Amino acid sequence: MPDYKEMYFKLFRATEKAMEILIDAQRECEEMYINAPTPEIVVLPPLESEEE
């Protein structure tokens, strides 16, 4: 008969590891975003209409 308790704990530990990996990746991406240089915003002049 399968050891359901061991199967449960194995799956639980793997789930915890997966969540830790995702949380770490999210934190790293947030730090990358925070530390990224601010992009330069350029305001373009309005287009002239053909009627003018």
PDB file of N, CA and C in Angstrom:
ATOM      1  N   MET A   1       0.847  -1.181   0.000  1.00  0.00           N
ATOM      2  CA  MET A   1       0.000   0.000   0.000  1.00  0.00           C
ATOM      3  C   MET A   1       0.894   1.246   0.000  1.00  0.00           C
ATOM      4  N   PRO A   2       0.539   2.265  -0.817  1.00  0.00           N
ATOM      5  CA  PRO A   2       1.361   3.476  -0.879  1.00  0.00           C
ATOM      6  C   PRO A   2       1.395   4.207   0.461  1.00  0.00           C
ATOM      7  N   ASP A   3       2.506   4.838   0.726  1.00  0.00           N
ATOM      8  CA  ASP A   3       2.663   5.619   1.950  1.00  0.00           C
ATOM      9  C   ASP A   3       2.141   7.033   1.668  1.00  0.00           C
ATOM     10  N   TYR A   4       0.844   7.238   1.920  1.00  0.00           N
ATOM     11  CA  TYR A   4       0.206   8.507   1.585  1.00  0.00           C
ATOM     12  C   TYR A   4       0.772   9.670   2.392  1.00  0.00           C
ATOM     13  N   LYS A   5       1.166   9.409   3.613  1.00  0.00           N
ATOM     14  CA  LYS A   5       1.739  10.464   4.444  1.00  0.00           C
ATOM     15  C   LYS A   5       3.042  10.963   3.817  1.00  0.00           C
ATOM     16  N   GLU A   6       3.903  10.049   3.411  1.00  0.00           N
ATOM     17  CA  GLU A   6       5.164  10.428   2.784  1.00  0.00           C
ATOM     18  C   GLU A   6       4.908  11.139   1.453  1.00  0.00           C
ATOM     19  N   MET A   7       3.931  10.661   0.683  1.00  0.00           N
ATOM     20  CA  MET A   7       3.592  11.307  -0.582  1.00  0.00           C
ATOM     21  C   MET A   7       3.114  12.735  -0.340  1.00  0.00           C
ATOM     22  N   TYR A   8       2.295  12.931   0.665  1.00  0.00           N
ATOM     23  CA  TYR A   8       1.785  14.255   1.002  1.00  0.00           C
ATOM     24  C   TYR A   8       2.935  15.190   1.378  1.00  0.00           C
ATOM     25  N   PHE A   9       3.825  14.720   2.260  1.00  0.00           N
ATOM     26  CA  PHE A   9       4.932  15.567   2.699  1.00  0.00           C
ATOM     27  C   PHE A   9       5.883  15.891   1.547  1.00  0.00           C
ATOM     28  N   LYS A  10       6.117  14.943   0.664  1.00  0.00           N
ATOM     29  CA  LYS A  10       6.976  15.188  -0.494  1.00  0.00           C
ATOM     30  C   LYS A  10       6.367  16.280  -1.370  1.00  0.00           C
ATOM     31  N   LEU A  11       5.084  16.192  -1.636  1.00  0.00           N
ATOM     32  CA  LEU A  11       4.403  17.193  -2.445  1.00  0.00           C
ATOM     33  C   LEU A  11       4.374  18.548  -1.732  1.00  0.00           C
ATOM     34  N   PHE A  12       4.151  18.532  -0.431  1.00  0.00           N
ATOM     35  CA  PHE A  12       4.127  19.763   0.349  1.00  0.00           C
ATOM     36  C   PHE A  12       5.478  20.468   0.303  1.00  0.00           C
ATOM     37  N   ARG A  13       6.568  19.713   0.476  1.00  0.00           N
ATOM     38  CA  ARG A  13       7.907  20.308   0.437  1.00  0.00           C
ATOM     39  C   ARG A  13       8.220  20.875  -0.945  1.00  0.00           C
ATOM     40  N   ALA A  14       7.827  20.171  -1.993  1.00  0.00           N
ATOM     41  CA  ALA A  14       8.060  20.652  -3.354  1.00  0.00           C
ATOM     42  C   ALA A  14       7.255  21.930  -3.619  1.00  0.00           C
ATOM     43  N   THR A  15       6.049  21.996  -3.108  1.00  0.00           N
ATOM     44  CA  THR A  15       5.221  23.192  -3.263  1.00  0.00           C
ATOM     45  C   THR A  15       5.855  24.371  -2.546  1.00  0.00           C
ATOM     46  N   GLU A  16       6.360  24.139  -1.352  1.00  0.00           N
ATOM     47  CA  GLU A  16       7.032  25.208  -0.602  1.00  0.00           C
ATOM     48  C   GLU A  16       8.257  25.720  -1.355  1.00  0.00           C
ATOM     49  N   LYS A  17       9.047  24.812  -1.918  1.00  0.00           N
ATOM     50  CA  LYS A  17      10.230  25.217  -2.685  1.00  0.00           C
ATOM     51  C   LYS A  17       9.825  26.051  -3.899  1.00  0.00           C
ATOM     52  N   ALA A  18       8.779  25.615  -4.592  1.00  0.00           N
ATOM     53  CA  ALA A  18       8.314  26.337  -5.781  1.00  0.00           C
ATOM     54  C   ALA A  18       7.858  27.743  -5.408  1.00  0.00           C
ATOM     55  N   MET A  19       7.148  27.874  -4.295  1.00  0.00           N
ATOM     56  CA  MET A  19       6.688  29.192  -3.866  1.00  0.00           C
ATOM     57  C   MET A  19       7.865  30.080  -3.489  1.00  0.00           C
ATOM     58  N   GLU A  20       8.857  29.527  -2.836  1.00  0.00           N
ATOM     59  CA  GLU A  20      10.049  30.302  -2.470  1.00  0.00           C
ATOM     60  C   GLU A  20      10.776  30.797  -3.721  1.00  0.00           C
ATOM     61  N   ILE A  21      10.878  29.946  -4.736  1.00  0.00           N
ATOM     62  CA  ILE A  21      11.539  30.338  -5.980  1.00  0.00           C
ATOM     63  C   ILE A  21      10.778  31.498  -6.631  1.00  0.00           C
ATOM     64  N   LEU A  22       9.459  31.396  -6.689  1.00  0.00           N
ATOM     65  CA  LEU A  22       8.659  32.450  -7.302  1.00  0.00           C
ATOM     66  C   LEU A  22       8.737  33.756  -6.513  1.00  0.00           C
ATOM     67  N   ILE A  23       8.696  33.669  -5.202  1.00  0.00           N
ATOM     68  CA  ILE A  23       8.787  34.872  -4.368  1.00  0.00           C
ATOM     69  C   ILE A  23      10.149  35.527  -4.535  1.00  0.00           C
ATOM     70  N   ASP A  24      11.212  34.740  -4.557  1.00  0.00           N
ATOM     71  CA  ASP A  24      12.560  35.292  -4.757  1.00  0.00           C
ATOM     72  C   ASP A  24      12.671  35.972  -6.120  1.00  0.00           C
ATOM     73  N   ALA A  25      12.120  35.348  -7.148  1.00  0.00           N
ATOM     74  CA  ALA A  25      12.170  35.938  -8.486  1.00  0.00           C
ATOM     75  C   ALA A  25      11.389  37.249  -8.523  1.00  0.00           C
ATOM     76  N   GLN A  26      10.246  37.287  -7.856  1.00  0.00           N
ATOM     77  CA  GLN A  26       9.460  38.514  -7.821  1.00  0.00           C
ATOM     78  C   GLN A  26      10.229  39.620  -7.112  1.00  0.00           C
ATOM     79  N   ARG A  27      10.859  39.307  -6.009  1.00  0.00           N
ATOM     80  CA  ARG A  27      11.645  40.310  -5.273  1.00  0.00           C
ATOM     81  C   ARG A  27      12.796  40.840  -6.130  1.00  0.00           C
ATOM     82  N   GLU A  28      13.485  39.945  -6.828  1.00  0.00           N
ATOM     83  CA  GLU A  28      14.584  40.363  -7.689  1.00  0.00           C
ATOM     84  C   GLU A  28      14.087  41.290  -8.800  1.00  0.00           C
ATOM     85  N   CYS A  29      12.958  40.955  -9.391  1.00  0.00           N
ATOM     86  CA  CYS A  29      12.409  41.795 -10.456  1.00  0.00           C
ATOM     87  C   CYS A  29      11.970  43.151  -9.910  1.00  0.00           C
ATOM     88  N   GLU A  30      11.410  43.173  -8.713  1.00  0.00           N
ATOM     89  CA  GLU A  30      11.025  44.443  -8.098  1.00  0.00           C
ATOM     90  C   GLU A  30      12.257  45.308  -7.855  1.00  0.00           C
ATOM     91  N   GLU A  31      13.345  44.705  -7.396  1.00  0.00           N
ATOM     92  CA  GLU A  31      14.578  45.454  -7.170  1.00  0.00           C
ATOM     93  C   GLU A  31      15.136  45.980  -8.496  1.00  0.00           C
ATOM     94  N   MET A  32      15.075  45.167  -9.546  1.00  0.00           N
ATOM     95  CA  MET A  32      15.530  45.615 -10.854  1.00  0.00           C
ATOM     96  C   MET A  32      14.717  46.824 -11.320  1.00  0.00           C
ATOM     97  N   TYR A  33      13.412  46.773 -11.107  1.00  0.00           N
ATOM     98  CA  TYR A  33      12.532  47.874 -11.513  1.00  0.00           C
ATOM     99  C   TYR A  33      12.846  49.128 -10.715  1.00  0.00           C
ATOM    100  N   ILE A  34      13.011  48.977  -9.408  1.00  0.00           N
ATOM    101  CA  ILE A  34      13.287  50.131  -8.545  1.00  0.00           C
ATOM    102  C   ILE A  34      14.620  50.772  -8.905  1.00  0.00           C
ATOM    103  N   ASN A  35      15.628  49.963  -9.219  1.00  0.00           N
ATOM    104  CA  ASN A  35      16.971  50.465  -9.488  1.00  0.00           C
ATOM    105  C   ASN A  35      17.203  50.861 -10.947  1.00  0.00           C
ATOM    106  N   ALA A  36      16.213  50.654 -11.803  1.00  0.00           N
ATOM    107  CA  ALA A  36      16.374  51.002 -13.213  1.00  0.00           C
ATOM    108  C   ALA A  36      16.397  52.524 -13.366  1.00  0.00           C
ATOM    109  N   PRO A  37      17.180  53.018 -14.326  1.00  0.00           N
ATOM    110  CA  PRO A  37      17.195  54.468 -14.541  1.00  0.00           C
ATOM    111  C   PRO A  37      15.832  54.947 -15.035  1.00  0.00           C
ATOM    112  N   THR A  38      15.499  56.167 -14.654  1.00  0.00           N
ATOM    113  CA  THR A  38      14.225  56.743 -15.075  1.00  0.00           C
ATOM    114  C   THR A  38      14.313  57.086 -16.556  1.00  0.00           C
ATOM    115  N   PRO A  39      13.354  56.637 -17.350  1.00  0.00           N
ATOM    116  CA  PRO A  39      13.419  56.933 -18.778  1.00  0.00           C
ATOM    117  C   PRO A  39      13.183  58.425 -19.038  1.00  0.00           C
ATOM    118  N   GLU A  40      13.804  58.921 -20.099  1.00  0.00           N
ATOM    119  CA  GLU A  40      13.619  60.309 -20.476  1.00  0.00           C
ATOM    120  C   GLU A  40      12.306  60.433 -21.244  1.00  0.00           C
ATOM    121  N   ILE A  41      11.464  61.350 -20.807  1.00  0.00           N
ATOM    122  CA  ILE A  41      10.179  61.556 -21.458  1.00  0.00           C
ATOM    123  C   ILE A  41      10.306  62.761 -22.376  1.00  0.00           C
ATOM    124  N   VAL A  42       9.942  62.586 -23.630  1.00  0.00           N
ATOM    125  CA  VAL A  42      10.026  63.649 -24.615  1.00  0.00           C
ATOM    126  C   VAL A  42       8.616  63.982 -25.079  1.00  0.00           C
ATOM    127  N   VAL A  43       8.256  65.258 -24.974  1.00  0.00           N
ATOM    128  CA  VAL A  43       6.940  65.695 -25.439  1.00  0.00           C
ATOM    129  C   VAL A  43       7.079  66.152 -26.883  1.00  0.00           C
ATOM    130  N   LEU A  44       6.332  65.525 -27.754  1.00  0.00           N
ATOM    131  CA  LEU A  44       6.392  65.852 -29.173  1.00  0.00           C
ATOM    132  C   LEU A  44       5.404  66.977 -29.473  1.00  0.00           C
ATOM    133  N   PRO A  45       5.736  67.816 -30.443  1.00  0.00           N
ATOM    134  CA  PRO A  45       4.790  68.871 -30.805  1.00  0.00           C
ATOM    135  C   PRO A  45       3.568  68.258 -31.472  1.00  0.00           C
ATOM    136  N   PRO A  46       2.420  68.953 -31.393  1.00  0.00           N
ATOM    137  CA  PRO A  46       1.222  68.392 -32.012  1.00  0.00           C
ATOM    138  C   PRO A  46       1.355  68.381 -33.546  1.00  0.00           C
ATOM    139  N   LEU A  47       0.681  67.446 -34.153  1.00  0.00           N
ATOM    140  CA  LEU A  47       0.698  67.366 -35.616  1.00  0.00           C
ATOM    141  C   LEU A  47      -0.152  68.495 -36.181  1.00  0.00           C
ATOM    142  N   GLU A  48       0.305  69.063 -37.280  1.00  0.00           N
ATOM    143  CA  GLU A  48      -0.472  70.102 -37.931  1.00  0.00           C
ATOM    144  C   GLU A  48      -1.558  69.434 -38.759  1.00  0.00           C
ATOM    145  N   SER A  49      -2.754  70.004 -38.716  1.00  0.00           N
ATOM    146  CA  SER A  49      -3.843  69.426 -39.514  1.00  0.00           C
ATOM    147  C   SER A  49      -3.706  69.900 -40.950  1.00  0.00           C
ATOM    148  N   GLU A  50      -4.309  69.171 -41.849  1.00  0.00           N
ATOM    149  CA  GLU A  50      -4.226  69.492 -43.283  1.00  0.00           C
ATOM    150  C   GLU A  50      -5.055  70.742 -43.611  1.00  0.00           C
ATOM    151  N   GLU A  51      -6.025  71.112 -42.788  1.00  0.00           N
ATOM    152  CA  GLU A  51      -6.899  72.247 -43.061  1.00  0.00           C
ATOM    153  C   GLU A  51      -6.165  73.568 -42.850  1.00  0.00           C
ATOM    154  N   GLU A  52      -5.109  73.609 -42.088  1.00  0.00           N
ATOM    155  CA  GLU A  52      -4.417  74.868 -41.794  1.00  0.00           C
ATOM    156  C   GLU A  52      -3.514  75.303 -42.893  1.00  0.00           C
TER     157      GLU A  52
END
